[in-house]
Amino acid sequence: MLWLTWRQFRAQALTVLALLAAAAIVFLVTGLPMHHSYTAALAACAPLDACDGATPAARALGAQLSQLQRSYEPMLMLLQLLVIAVPALIGIFLGAPLIGRELETDTHQLAWNQTVTRTRWLAVKLTVVGVTAIATTAILSWLLTWWAGPLDNLNGNRWAAMTFASRDIVPLGYTAFAFALGTTLGLLLRRTLPAMAITLAVFIAFQILVPTLIRPHLLSSTTTTFPINQASTSQFHDFRGTQTEFHFDLPTPRGAWLTSQPPVKNPAGQVVRIDSYPECFPNSQGDAPDLSQIGACLAKDNLHQTVTYHPASNYWPLQWMETGIFLVLAGALAGTCFWWIRRRQN
């Protein structure tokens, strides 16, 4: 069975190996100079916060790091898309044809009439191709996590949808799920192209739904309410407002994932309109608002604003939880394949 599986998928395996080698070369050729530049600049103004200092030398080094970040930003987006797309491509080109092509061309009849049982036939195919697919994604994810390390440190945010989904172990869960999904759809639909199309659609749907509806609720988040007064607003970062509502950019711990920042509300929980306080918001032309002065003006009405976030310590627990969920889904889909194979009579 191992020899047969290799014969059937050697073209795909060699293609994956060649693409993986090319990707590794790109990561190394571009990543080594970036790491060197980042380390040199950081060492000159260590710790990193000193690069934002008041001295001309510190500001120059800070500008050097900012330029480094901007110069590699387009490549970062491209490489992130590559790592995110790999699980989908594996599900489409390795998972969907794995069984679907056999059923579509009726070659499964020959395989099932040999001494190898159907269960072993399926187990070997899933194991060999699936482990190869997950190993490929693991290498790419590790390369990207290493390559983007300096940029992630400069951004200070590992929680962005594309960033979280393309780093560390989460891509492995997505790969296992996409591969199992493609295999199951090919098995049930008995057609390769429809299985490929549905696999892609489902994978894209999960990439949209998980960061917005699922990931924020996997672990309990932290909610903090700030009173709006002169003392608190002097600690806030910025201010944004329209005629119907306004927000202060509330402080959160370094590395935290901000999930919710509703507008300012009154003690009854109602959103406060900015035009209800014309005396607090002078119409200055292009000048930055004085937040402490605005806070002092608003303090008389006991207004408040809430911020909800995941602390930086939740990063790895969420990585493990999300990966585990997709591994469980992949296992359930694989179980469906075994159930179907055992019940099929021809």
Foldseek 3Di string as FASTA:
>chain_A
DLVVLCVVCVVVLVVLVVVLVVLLVVLVVPQVVLVVQLVVLCVVQPPPVSLPDDDPVSVVSVVSLVVSLVVCVVVLVVLLVVLLCLLLCCLQPPQQCLVLVCLLVVVVVVVCPDPDHLLNVLVSSCVVSLVSSLVSSQSSQVSSCSRCVSNCVVVLECLPLSNLCRHDCNSSLSNLLSNLQSNLLSNVVSHRPVSSVVSNVVSVVCSVCCSQPNLVPPDDWDKDKDWQALVQQVVFDAKDADQAFIFTRHDDDGSKFWNDKDTKDAPVRHGDGPVVCCVLDDPDDPDGDDRSSSSNSPNVRRIMIMTIIHDNVCSVVSSVVSSVVSNVSSVVSSVVVSVVSVPDDD
